[in-house]
């Protein structure tokens, strides 16, 4: 329940933020929903779907501006090559944090 409320708060904040006017907000909402449903039993396929939803500019990387929720909270931990963006392999590291 806590994750759902946090996800909803993130989505509401995103809707009210001027910097996301050109972003597909349904993707953000879908990403927040998927992120809130992740658990230690989640699969790489779910992480791949999350990656696609968060990569709003489709540059095959998630920037800190594209990250939400626990991805944003753990961005520096997940960014193992310290290039200020997450690739799919790095985002898959989120599964290890959920255990």
N, C-alpha and C. Protein backbone atom coordinates (compact mmCIF):
# COMPACT_ATOMS: atom_id res chain seq x y z
N UNK A 1 0.82 -1.19 0.00
CA UNK A 1 0.00 0.00 0.00
C UNK A 1 0.87 1.26 0.00
N UNK A 2 1.96 1.19 0.76
CA UNK A 2 2.86 2.33 0.85
C UNK A 2 3.46 2.66 -0.51
N UNK A 3 3.84 1.60 -1.28
CA UNK A 3 4.41 1.81 -2.61
C UNK A 3 3.40 2.44 -3.55
N UNK A 4 2.15 2.01 -3.45
CA UNK A 4 1.10 2.55 -4.32
C UNK A 4 0.90 4.03 -4.03
N UNK A 5 0.83 4.40 -2.75
CA UNK A 5 0.65 5.80 -2.39
C UNK A 5 1.83 6.65 -2.85
N UNK A 6 3.04 6.10 -2.69
CA UNK A 6 4.23 6.82 -3.14
C UNK A 6 4.20 7.00 -4.65
N UNK A 7 3.81 5.96 -5.36
CA UNK A 7 3.73 6.04 -6.82
C UNK A 7 2.71 7.07 -7.26
N UNK A 8 1.58 7.08 -6.60
CA UNK A 8 0.55 8.07 -6.94
C UNK A 8 1.05 9.49 -6.66
N UNK A 9 1.77 9.66 -5.57
CA UNK A 9 2.32 10.98 -5.25
C UNK A 9 3.31 11.41 -6.33
N UNK A 10 4.12 10.48 -6.81
CA UNK A 10 5.08 10.79 -7.88
C UNK A 10 4.35 11.20 -9.14
N UNK A 11 3.32 10.45 -9.50
CA UNK A 11 2.55 10.75 -10.71
C UNK A 11 1.89 12.12 -10.60
N UNK A 12 1.29 12.41 -9.47
CA UNK A 12 0.64 13.71 -9.26
C UNK A 12 1.66 14.84 -9.36
N UNK A 13 2.82 14.63 -8.76
CA UNK A 13 3.88 15.63 -8.83
C UNK A 13 4.33 15.84 -10.28
N UNK A 14 4.46 14.74 -11.01
CA UNK A 14 4.88 14.83 -12.40
C UNK A 14 3.86 15.59 -13.24
N UNK A 15 2.57 15.35 -12.99
CA UNK A 15 1.53 16.05 -13.75
C UNK A 15 1.57 17.55 -13.49
N UNK A 16 1.96 17.95 -12.29
CA UNK A 16 1.95 19.36 -11.95
C UNK A 16 3.25 20.07 -12.33
N UNK A 17 4.24 19.34 -12.75
CA UNK A 17 5.55 19.90 -13.07
C UNK A 17 5.59 20.37 -14.52
N UNK A 18 6.01 21.61 -14.74
CA UNK A 18 6.07 22.18 -16.09
C UNK A 18 7.06 21.47 -17.00
N UNK A 19 8.10 20.85 -16.44
CA UNK A 19 9.15 20.26 -17.27
C UNK A 19 8.71 18.97 -17.94
N UNK A 20 7.55 18.44 -17.61
CA UNK A 20 7.11 17.19 -18.22
C UNK A 20 5.94 17.39 -19.17
N UNK A 21 5.71 18.60 -19.61
CA UNK A 21 4.58 18.84 -20.50
C UNK A 21 4.69 18.08 -21.81
N UNK A 22 5.92 17.85 -22.29
CA UNK A 22 6.10 17.15 -23.55
C UNK A 22 6.32 15.65 -23.38
N UNK A 23 6.21 15.16 -22.16
CA UNK A 23 6.43 13.75 -21.87
C UNK A 23 5.08 13.03 -21.90
N UNK A 24 5.08 11.82 -22.43
CA UNK A 24 3.88 11.01 -22.44
C UNK A 24 3.56 10.60 -21.01
N UNK A 25 2.59 11.27 -20.40
CA UNK A 25 2.30 11.03 -18.99
C UNK A 25 1.68 9.66 -18.74
N UNK A 26 1.10 9.04 -19.76
CA UNK A 26 0.59 7.69 -19.55
C UNK A 26 1.75 6.73 -19.35
N UNK A 27 2.89 6.98 -20.00
CA UNK A 27 4.08 6.15 -19.77
C UNK A 27 4.57 6.31 -18.34
N UNK A 28 4.56 7.51 -17.83
CA UNK A 28 5.00 7.76 -16.45
C UNK A 28 4.06 7.06 -15.48
N UNK A 29 2.79 7.15 -15.73
CA UNK A 29 1.80 6.48 -14.88
C UNK A 29 1.99 4.97 -14.94
N UNK A 30 2.17 4.44 -16.14
CA UNK A 30 2.41 3.00 -16.29
C UNK A 30 3.70 2.58 -15.59
N UNK A 31 4.73 3.40 -15.71
CA UNK A 31 6.00 3.10 -15.06
C UNK A 31 5.85 3.10 -13.53
N UNK A 32 5.11 4.08 -13.02
CA UNK A 32 4.89 4.16 -11.58
C UNK A 32 4.12 2.94 -11.09
N UNK A 33 3.13 2.51 -11.85
CA UNK A 33 2.35 1.33 -11.49
C UNK A 33 3.23 0.08 -11.50
N UNK A 34 4.02 -0.07 -12.56
CA UNK A 34 4.90 -1.23 -12.67
C UNK A 34 5.95 -1.21 -11.55
N UNK A 35 6.50 -0.04 -11.29
CA UNK A 35 7.51 0.09 -10.25
C UNK A 35 6.95 -0.29 -8.88
N UNK A 36 5.72 0.10 -8.62
CA UNK A 36 5.12 -0.22 -7.33
C UNK A 36 4.81 -1.71 -7.18
N UNK A 37 4.72 -2.42 -8.30
CA UNK A 37 4.41 -3.84 -8.24
C UNK A 37 5.65 -4.73 -8.19
N UNK A 38 6.83 -4.14 -8.36
CA UNK A 38 8.05 -4.94 -8.35
C UNK A 38 8.32 -5.51 -6.97
N UNK A 39 8.83 -6.73 -6.96
CA UNK A 39 9.20 -7.39 -5.70
C UNK A 39 10.44 -8.24 -5.96
N UNK A 40 10.87 -8.95 -4.94
CA UNK A 40 12.04 -9.81 -5.11
C UNK A 40 11.77 -10.95 -6.09
N UNK A 41 10.50 -11.18 -6.44
CA UNK A 41 10.14 -12.21 -7.42
C UNK A 41 9.98 -11.65 -8.83
N UNK A 42 10.29 -10.40 -9.01
CA UNK A 42 10.14 -9.77 -10.32
C UNK A 42 11.14 -10.34 -11.32
N UNK A 43 10.82 -10.16 -12.60
CA UNK A 43 11.64 -10.74 -13.66
C UNK A 43 12.39 -9.66 -14.44
N UNK A 44 13.37 -10.11 -15.20
CA UNK A 44 14.11 -9.21 -16.07
C UNK A 44 13.16 -8.61 -17.11
N UNK A 45 12.16 -9.36 -17.53
CA UNK A 45 11.19 -8.84 -18.50
C UNK A 45 10.44 -7.63 -17.92
N UNK A 46 10.09 -7.68 -16.63
CA UNK A 46 9.43 -6.54 -16.00
C UNK A 46 10.36 -5.34 -15.95
N UNK A 47 11.63 -5.58 -15.67
CA UNK A 47 12.62 -4.49 -15.64
C UNK A 47 12.80 -3.92 -17.05
N UNK A 48 12.79 -4.78 -18.05
CA UNK A 48 12.89 -4.32 -19.44
C UNK A 48 11.70 -3.44 -19.80
N UNK A 49 10.52 -3.82 -19.37
CA UNK A 49 9.32 -3.00 -19.61
C UNK A 49 9.44 -1.67 -18.89
N UNK A 50 9.91 -1.70 -17.65
CA UNK A 50 10.11 -0.47 -16.89
C UNK A 50 11.11 0.44 -17.59
N UNK A 51 12.19 -0.15 -18.08
CA UNK A 51 13.21 0.62 -18.80
C UNK A 51 12.59 1.35 -19.99
N UNK A 52 11.80 0.64 -20.76
CA UNK A 52 11.15 1.23 -21.94
C UNK A 52 10.23 2.38 -21.56
N UNK A 53 9.53 2.23 -20.46
CA UNK A 53 8.61 3.28 -20.02
C UNK A 53 9.35 4.51 -19.48
N UNK A 54 10.45 4.28 -18.78
CA UNK A 54 11.20 5.40 -18.20
C UNK A 54 12.07 6.12 -19.22
N UNK A 55 12.51 5.44 -20.25
CA UNK A 55 13.36 6.04 -21.28
C UNK A 55 12.50 6.88 -22.23
N UNK A 56 12.05 8.00 -21.72
CA UNK A 56 11.07 8.82 -22.45
C UNK A 56 11.62 9.43 -23.74
N UNK A 57 12.92 9.67 -23.80
CA UNK A 57 13.48 10.24 -25.04
C UNK A 57 14.05 9.16 -25.96
N UNK A 58 13.92 7.91 -25.57
CA UNK A 58 14.31 6.75 -26.39
C UNK A 58 15.77 6.78 -26.83
N UNK A 59 16.64 7.18 -25.90
CA UNK A 59 18.07 7.19 -26.20
C UNK A 59 18.81 5.98 -25.61
N UNK A 60 18.03 4.97 -25.20
CA UNK A 60 18.58 3.73 -24.63
C UNK A 60 19.32 3.95 -23.32
N UNK A 61 18.93 5.00 -22.59
CA UNK A 61 19.50 5.28 -21.28
C UNK A 61 18.46 6.03 -20.45
N UNK A 62 18.53 5.85 -19.16
CA UNK A 62 17.64 6.57 -18.25
C UNK A 62 18.47 7.60 -17.51
N UNK A 63 18.13 8.86 -17.71
CA UNK A 63 18.83 9.93 -17.00
C UNK A 63 18.19 10.11 -15.63
N UNK A 64 18.83 10.88 -14.79
CA UNK A 64 18.26 11.14 -13.46
C UNK A 64 16.94 11.90 -13.57
N UNK A 65 16.75 12.64 -14.66
CA UNK A 65 15.48 13.36 -14.87
C UNK A 65 14.36 12.42 -15.28
N UNK A 66 14.70 11.29 -15.89
CA UNK A 66 13.69 10.32 -16.31
C UNK A 66 13.34 9.34 -15.19
N UNK A 67 14.23 9.20 -14.22
CA UNK A 67 14.04 8.24 -13.13
C UNK A 67 12.95 8.71 -12.16
N UNK A 68 12.18 7.74 -11.65
CA UNK A 68 11.16 8.02 -10.65
C UNK A 68 11.25 6.97 -9.54
N UNK A 69 10.62 7.27 -8.42
CA UNK A 69 10.49 6.31 -7.32
C UNK A 69 11.80 5.72 -6.86
N UNK A 70 11.82 4.41 -6.67
CA UNK A 70 13.01 3.74 -6.14
C UNK A 70 14.17 3.78 -7.13
N UNK A 71 13.88 3.96 -8.41
CA UNK A 71 14.96 4.12 -9.40
C UNK A 71 15.68 5.44 -9.12
N UNK A 72 14.93 6.50 -8.90
CA UNK A 72 15.53 7.80 -8.58
C UNK A 72 16.24 7.75 -7.23
N UNK A 73 15.60 7.10 -6.25
CA UNK A 73 16.18 7.01 -4.91
C UNK A 73 17.51 6.28 -4.90
N UNK A 74 17.67 5.32 -5.78
CA UNK A 74 18.89 4.49 -5.82
C UNK A 74 19.72 4.74 -7.06
N UNK A 75 19.50 5.87 -7.71
CA UNK A 75 20.15 6.14 -9.00
C UNK A 75 21.67 6.00 -8.91
N UNK A 76 22.29 6.61 -7.92
CA UNK A 76 23.75 6.59 -7.82
C UNK A 76 24.28 5.19 -7.53
N UNK A 77 23.52 4.37 -6.83
CA UNK A 77 23.92 2.99 -6.56
C UNK A 77 23.82 2.17 -7.85
N UNK A 78 22.74 2.37 -8.59
CA UNK A 78 22.51 1.61 -9.82
C UNK A 78 23.47 2.03 -10.94
N UNK A 79 23.90 3.28 -10.94
CA UNK A 79 24.78 3.81 -11.98
C UNK A 79 26.21 3.34 -11.72
N UNK A 80 26.47 2.08 -12.01
CA UNK A 80 27.75 1.46 -11.65
C UNK A 80 28.94 2.00 -12.45
N UNK A 81 28.70 2.54 -13.64
CA UNK A 81 29.81 3.11 -14.41
C UNK A 81 29.92 4.62 -14.23
N UNK A 82 29.10 5.19 -13.37
CA UNK A 82 29.15 6.61 -13.01
C UNK A 82 29.10 7.55 -14.21
N UNK A 83 28.26 7.21 -15.20
CA UNK A 83 28.14 8.09 -16.37
C UNK A 83 26.86 8.92 -16.34
N UNK A 84 26.21 8.97 -15.19
CA UNK A 84 25.00 9.78 -14.97
C UNK A 84 23.81 9.32 -15.79
N UNK A 85 23.81 8.05 -16.17
CA UNK A 85 22.65 7.46 -16.83
C UNK A 85 22.65 5.96 -16.55
N UNK A 86 21.48 5.37 -16.68
CA UNK A 86 21.34 3.94 -16.45
C UNK A 86 21.04 3.22 -17.76
N UNK A 87 21.80 2.16 -18.03
CA UNK A 87 21.45 1.31 -19.16
C UNK A 87 20.60 0.16 -18.62
N UNK A 88 20.15 -0.71 -19.49
CA UNK A 88 19.28 -1.79 -19.06
C UNK A 88 19.96 -2.71 -18.05
N UNK A 89 21.22 -2.99 -18.27
CA UNK A 89 21.96 -3.86 -17.34
C UNK A 89 22.01 -3.25 -15.95
N UNK A 90 22.28 -1.95 -15.89
CA UNK A 90 22.33 -1.27 -14.59
C UNK A 90 20.96 -1.25 -13.93
N UNK A 91 19.91 -1.01 -14.70
CA UNK A 91 18.56 -0.99 -14.12
C UNK A 91 18.18 -2.36 -13.58
N UNK A 92 18.68 -3.41 -14.21
CA UNK A 92 18.40 -4.77 -13.73
C UNK A 92 18.94 -4.95 -12.31
N UNK A 93 19.92 -4.17 -11.92
CA UNK A 93 20.45 -4.18 -10.55
C UNK A 93 19.39 -3.84 -9.51
N UNK A 94 18.30 -3.23 -9.95
CA UNK A 94 17.20 -2.90 -9.05
C UNK A 94 16.63 -4.17 -8.43
N UNK A 95 16.66 -5.28 -9.17
CA UNK A 95 16.15 -6.55 -8.65
C UNK A 95 16.90 -6.96 -7.39
N UNK A 96 18.20 -6.74 -7.38
CA UNK A 96 19.01 -7.07 -6.20
C UNK A 96 18.69 -6.21 -5.00
N UNK A 97 18.25 -4.99 -5.24
CA UNK A 97 17.90 -4.09 -4.14
C UNK A 97 16.55 -4.44 -3.53
N UNK A 98 15.73 -5.19 -4.26
CA UNK A 98 14.40 -5.52 -3.78
C UNK A 98 14.38 -6.70 -2.83
N UNK A 99 15.50 -7.39 -2.70
CA UNK A 99 15.56 -8.60 -1.85
C UNK A 99 15.69 -8.26 -0.41
